[in-house]
Amino acid sequence: MRSMLLTAGLGLLVGIPLGVVIERGGFCMDSGFRQVLKADRSSSFLAYLLALAFQLVLVNALEGAGLLIVPVPALTWLAAVVGGLMFGVGMAWAKG
């Protein structure tokens, strides 16, 4: 139970500030990729890559320190299809 609370607490500690920064900055992954391809502006794309690199390092450091246990469940094909559809519908609703 303690490990689960610690994991949830660390997730909130990292996730809330990151979410606030992303929301305040108006960051959209889809438009960031489009800007690179169409307008030769890469600032949003570089911000995305920086956030990705930061989370990769942080999660691996926390797991290596024993503060985080990352279970890797089996992914079924149905979960991938449903997740892709949910993402696509969300992007369409957000006009991304």
N, C-alpha and C. Protein backbone atom coordinates (compact mmCIF):
# COMPACT_ATOMS: atom_id res chain seq x y z
N MET A 1 0.83 -1.19 0.00
CA MET A 1 0.00 0.00 0.00
C MET A 1 0.87 1.26 0.00
N ARG A 2 1.96 1.22 0.79
CA ARG A 2 2.84 2.38 0.87
C ARG A 2 3.47 2.67 -0.49
N SER A 3 3.87 1.62 -1.20
CA SER A 3 4.49 1.79 -2.51
C SER A 3 3.51 2.41 -3.51
N MET A 4 2.25 1.98 -3.44
CA MET A 4 1.25 2.51 -4.35
C MET A 4 0.99 3.99 -4.06
N LEU A 5 0.94 4.37 -2.79
CA LEU A 5 0.73 5.77 -2.43
C LEU A 5 1.92 6.63 -2.85
N LEU A 6 3.12 6.08 -2.69
CA LEU A 6 4.32 6.81 -3.09
C LEU A 6 4.33 7.02 -4.61
N THR A 7 3.97 5.96 -5.34
CA THR A 7 3.91 6.07 -6.80
C THR A 7 2.87 7.10 -7.23
N ALA A 8 1.70 7.06 -6.62
CA ALA A 8 0.65 8.03 -6.95
C ALA A 8 1.09 9.45 -6.59
N GLY A 9 1.73 9.60 -5.44
CA GLY A 9 2.21 10.92 -5.03
C GLY A 9 3.26 11.48 -5.96
N LEU A 10 4.21 10.63 -6.37
CA LEU A 10 5.24 11.08 -7.31
C LEU A 10 4.62 11.42 -8.66
N GLY A 11 3.63 10.64 -9.08
CA GLY A 11 2.95 10.92 -10.34
C GLY A 11 2.27 12.27 -10.31
N LEU A 12 1.60 12.56 -9.21
CA LEU A 12 0.93 13.86 -9.07
C LEU A 12 1.94 14.99 -8.96
N LEU A 13 3.03 14.75 -8.23
CA LEU A 13 4.06 15.76 -8.05
C LEU A 13 4.69 16.18 -9.38
N VAL A 14 4.85 15.23 -10.27
CA VAL A 14 5.43 15.53 -11.58
C VAL A 14 4.34 15.91 -12.59
N GLY A 15 3.22 15.21 -12.56
CA GLY A 15 2.18 15.39 -13.57
C GLY A 15 1.44 16.70 -13.49
N ILE A 16 1.14 17.17 -12.30
CA ILE A 16 0.37 18.42 -12.17
C ILE A 16 1.17 19.62 -12.69
N PRO A 17 2.41 19.81 -12.25
CA PRO A 17 3.16 20.96 -12.82
C PRO A 17 3.36 20.85 -14.33
N LEU A 18 3.63 19.64 -14.82
CA LEU A 18 3.80 19.48 -16.26
C LEU A 18 2.51 19.79 -17.00
N GLY A 19 1.38 19.34 -16.47
CA GLY A 19 0.09 19.63 -17.08
C GLY A 19 -0.22 21.12 -17.09
N VAL A 20 0.12 21.81 -16.01
CA VAL A 20 -0.12 23.25 -15.93
C VAL A 20 0.72 23.98 -16.98
N VAL A 21 1.99 23.60 -17.08
CA VAL A 21 2.87 24.24 -18.06
C VAL A 21 2.38 23.99 -19.48
N ILE A 22 1.97 22.76 -19.76
CA ILE A 22 1.48 22.43 -21.10
C ILE A 22 0.20 23.19 -21.41
N GLU A 23 -0.71 23.26 -20.45
CA GLU A 23 -1.99 23.96 -20.66
C GLU A 23 -1.76 25.45 -20.82
N ARG A 24 -0.94 26.05 -19.97
CA ARG A 24 -0.68 27.50 -20.04
C ARG A 24 0.04 27.88 -21.32
N GLY A 25 0.90 26.99 -21.79
CA GLY A 25 1.65 27.28 -23.01
C GLY A 25 0.87 26.98 -24.28
N GLY A 26 -0.32 26.41 -24.14
CA GLY A 26 -1.13 26.09 -25.31
C GLY A 26 -0.48 25.04 -26.19
N PHE A 27 0.24 24.12 -25.58
CA PHE A 27 0.97 23.11 -26.34
C PHE A 27 0.02 22.06 -26.89
N CYS A 28 0.19 21.74 -28.14
CA CYS A 28 -0.58 20.68 -28.79
C CYS A 28 0.39 19.85 -29.61
N MET A 29 0.46 18.56 -29.33
CA MET A 29 1.40 17.69 -30.02
C MET A 29 1.16 17.69 -31.53
N ASP A 30 -0.09 17.64 -31.93
CA ASP A 30 -0.42 17.60 -33.35
C ASP A 30 0.05 18.86 -34.07
N SER A 31 -0.25 20.02 -33.51
CA SER A 31 0.17 21.26 -34.17
C SER A 31 1.69 21.42 -34.13
N GLY A 32 2.33 20.89 -33.09
CA GLY A 32 3.79 20.93 -33.03
C GLY A 32 4.42 20.16 -34.18
N PHE A 33 3.88 18.99 -34.48
CA PHE A 33 4.39 18.21 -35.61
C PHE A 33 4.09 18.91 -36.93
N ARG A 34 2.90 19.49 -37.05
CA ARG A 34 2.52 20.17 -38.29
C ARG A 34 3.39 21.40 -38.54
N GLN A 35 3.74 22.12 -37.47
CA GLN A 35 4.59 23.31 -37.63
C GLN A 35 5.95 22.94 -38.19
N VAL A 36 6.48 21.80 -37.78
CA VAL A 36 7.78 21.37 -38.29
C VAL A 36 7.68 21.07 -39.78
N LEU A 37 6.61 20.40 -40.18
CA LEU A 37 6.48 19.99 -41.58
C LEU A 37 6.08 21.13 -42.51
N LYS A 38 5.23 22.03 -42.05
CA LYS A 38 4.67 23.05 -42.94
C LYS A 38 5.32 24.42 -42.80
N ALA A 39 5.67 24.80 -41.61
CA ALA A 39 6.13 26.18 -41.40
C ALA A 39 7.61 26.27 -41.01
N ASP A 40 8.29 25.15 -40.96
CA ASP A 40 9.71 25.12 -40.58
C ASP A 40 9.96 25.77 -39.22
N ARG A 41 8.97 25.66 -38.33
CA ARG A 41 9.15 26.13 -36.95
C ARG A 41 9.19 24.90 -36.07
N SER A 42 10.25 24.77 -35.31
CA SER A 42 10.42 23.54 -34.54
C SER A 42 10.36 23.74 -33.04
N SER A 43 9.96 24.91 -32.55
CA SER A 43 9.99 25.15 -31.10
C SER A 43 9.03 24.23 -30.35
N SER A 44 7.81 24.03 -30.87
CA SER A 44 6.86 23.13 -30.20
C SER A 44 7.34 21.69 -30.25
N PHE A 45 7.91 21.30 -31.38
CA PHE A 45 8.41 19.94 -31.51
C PHE A 45 9.58 19.70 -30.57
N LEU A 46 10.46 20.69 -30.45
CA LEU A 46 11.59 20.56 -29.53
C LEU A 46 11.11 20.51 -28.08
N ALA A 47 10.06 21.26 -27.75
CA ALA A 47 9.49 21.19 -26.40
C ALA A 47 8.94 19.80 -26.13
N TYR A 48 8.29 19.21 -27.13
CA TYR A 48 7.77 17.85 -26.99
C TYR A 48 8.91 16.86 -26.76
N LEU A 49 9.98 16.97 -27.54
CA LEU A 49 11.12 16.07 -27.37
C LEU A 49 11.79 16.26 -26.02
N LEU A 50 11.87 17.50 -25.54
CA LEU A 50 12.45 17.77 -24.23
C LEU A 50 11.61 17.14 -23.12
N ALA A 51 10.29 17.28 -23.21
CA ALA A 51 9.41 16.68 -22.21
C ALA A 51 9.52 15.16 -22.24
N LEU A 52 9.62 14.58 -23.42
CA LEU A 52 9.76 13.13 -23.55
C LEU A 52 11.07 12.66 -22.94
N ALA A 53 12.16 13.37 -23.25
CA ALA A 53 13.46 13.00 -22.69
C ALA A 53 13.48 13.14 -21.17
N PHE A 54 12.86 14.20 -20.66
CA PHE A 54 12.80 14.43 -19.22
C PHE A 54 12.07 13.29 -18.52
N GLN A 55 10.91 12.88 -19.06
CA GLN A 55 10.16 11.82 -18.40
C GLN A 55 10.88 10.48 -18.51
N LEU A 56 11.58 10.25 -19.62
CA LEU A 56 12.33 9.00 -19.75
C LEU A 56 13.41 8.90 -18.69
N VAL A 57 14.16 9.97 -18.51
CA VAL A 57 15.23 9.99 -17.52
C VAL A 57 14.65 9.90 -16.11
N LEU A 58 13.60 10.67 -15.81
CA LEU A 58 13.03 10.69 -14.47
C LEU A 58 12.44 9.34 -14.08
N VAL A 59 11.66 8.74 -14.96
CA VAL A 59 11.04 7.45 -14.64
C VAL A 59 12.11 6.38 -14.42
N ASN A 60 13.12 6.35 -15.27
CA ASN A 60 14.17 5.35 -15.11
C ASN A 60 15.00 5.60 -13.85
N ALA A 61 15.23 6.85 -13.50
CA ALA A 61 15.97 7.17 -12.27
C ALA A 61 15.16 6.75 -11.04
N LEU A 62 13.87 7.04 -11.04
CA LEU A 62 13.02 6.64 -9.91
C LEU A 62 12.92 5.13 -9.80
N GLU A 63 12.83 4.45 -10.93
CA GLU A 63 12.76 2.99 -10.91
C GLU A 63 14.09 2.40 -10.44
N GLY A 64 15.19 2.97 -10.90
CA GLY A 64 16.50 2.49 -10.49
C GLY A 64 16.76 2.71 -9.01
N ALA A 65 16.20 3.78 -8.44
CA ALA A 65 16.36 4.07 -7.02
C ALA A 65 15.42 3.24 -6.16
N GLY A 66 14.53 2.48 -6.80
CA GLY A 66 13.59 1.66 -6.05
C GLY A 66 12.38 2.41 -5.55
N LEU A 67 12.19 3.65 -5.98
CA LEU A 67 11.05 4.45 -5.54
C LEU A 67 9.82 4.23 -6.40
N LEU A 68 10.00 3.61 -7.55
CA LEU A 68 8.90 3.43 -8.48
C LEU A 68 8.96 2.03 -9.06
N ILE A 69 7.83 1.37 -9.07
CA ILE A 69 7.72 0.05 -9.69
C ILE A 69 6.84 0.21 -10.91
N VAL A 70 7.38 -0.10 -12.07
CA VAL A 70 6.65 0.08 -13.32
C VAL A 70 6.25 -1.30 -13.85
N PRO A 71 5.00 -1.69 -13.60
CA PRO A 71 4.57 -2.98 -14.15
C PRO A 71 4.34 -2.85 -15.65
N VAL A 72 4.65 -3.89 -16.37
CA VAL A 72 4.47 -3.88 -17.82
C VAL A 72 3.42 -4.94 -18.16
N PRO A 73 2.15 -4.53 -18.24
CA PRO A 73 1.10 -5.50 -18.55
C PRO A 73 1.12 -5.89 -20.02
N ALA A 74 0.54 -7.04 -20.29
CA ALA A 74 0.42 -7.48 -21.69
C ALA A 74 -0.59 -6.57 -22.39
N LEU A 75 -0.27 -6.16 -23.60
CA LEU A 75 -1.16 -5.30 -24.37
C LEU A 75 -1.86 -6.14 -25.42
N THR A 76 -3.16 -6.16 -25.37
CA THR A 76 -3.91 -6.93 -26.36
C THR A 76 -4.17 -6.06 -27.58
N TRP A 77 -4.43 -6.69 -28.69
CA TRP A 77 -4.71 -5.95 -29.92
C TRP A 77 -5.96 -5.11 -29.77
N LEU A 78 -6.94 -5.60 -29.01
CA LEU A 78 -8.18 -4.85 -28.82
C LEU A 78 -7.92 -3.55 -28.06
N ALA A 79 -7.05 -3.62 -27.05
CA ALA A 79 -6.72 -2.41 -26.29
C ALA A 79 -6.04 -1.38 -27.19
N ALA A 80 -5.18 -1.83 -28.09
CA ALA A 80 -4.51 -0.91 -29.01
C ALA A 80 -5.50 -0.26 -29.97
N VAL A 81 -6.45 -1.04 -30.48
CA VAL A 81 -7.45 -0.50 -31.40
C VAL A 81 -8.35 0.50 -30.69
N VAL A 82 -8.85 0.13 -29.51
CA VAL A 82 -9.74 1.02 -28.76
C VAL A 82 -9.00 2.29 -28.36
N GLY A 83 -7.77 2.17 -27.89
CA GLY A 83 -6.99 3.34 -27.52
C GLY A 83 -6.73 4.26 -28.70
N GLY A 84 -6.43 3.69 -29.85
CA GLY A 84 -6.22 4.49 -31.06
C GLY A 84 -7.47 5.23 -31.48
N LEU A 85 -8.61 4.54 -31.40
CA LEU A 85 -9.88 5.19 -31.74
C LEU A 85 -10.20 6.32 -30.77
N MET A 86 -9.98 6.08 -29.47
CA MET A 86 -10.24 7.13 -28.48
C MET A 86 -9.35 8.34 -28.72
N PHE A 87 -8.09 8.10 -29.03
CA PHE A 87 -7.17 9.19 -29.31
C PHE A 87 -7.61 9.97 -30.55
N GLY A 88 -7.97 9.25 -31.59
CA GLY A 88 -8.41 9.90 -32.83
C GLY A 88 -9.66 10.74 -32.65
N VAL A 89 -10.63 10.20 -31.91
CA VAL A 89 -11.86 10.95 -31.65
C VAL A 89 -11.55 12.19 -30.81
N GLY A 90 -10.69 12.04 -29.81
CA GLY A 90 -10.31 13.19 -28.98
C GLY A 90 -9.61 14.27 -29.79
N MET A 91 -8.74 13.86 -30.70
CA MET A 91 -8.05 14.84 -31.55
C MET A 91 -9.04 15.55 -32.46
N ALA A 92 -10.01 14.82 -32.99
CA ALA A 92 -11.01 15.44 -33.86
C ALA A 92 -11.88 16.41 -33.08
N TRP A 93 -12.28 16.03 -31.88
CA TRP A 93 -13.10 16.92 -31.05
C TRP A 93 -12.32 18.18 -30.65
N ALA A 94 -11.02 18.03 -30.43
CA ALA A 94 -10.20 19.17 -30.05
C ALA A 94 -9.75 19.99 -31.26
N LYS A 95 -10.19 19.57 -32.43
CA LYS A 95 -9.82 20.23 -33.68
C LYS A 95 -8.31 20.24 -33.90
N GLY A 96 -7.67 19.12 -33.51
CA GLY A 96 -6.23 19.00 -33.68
C GLY A 96 -5.93 18.51 -34.99
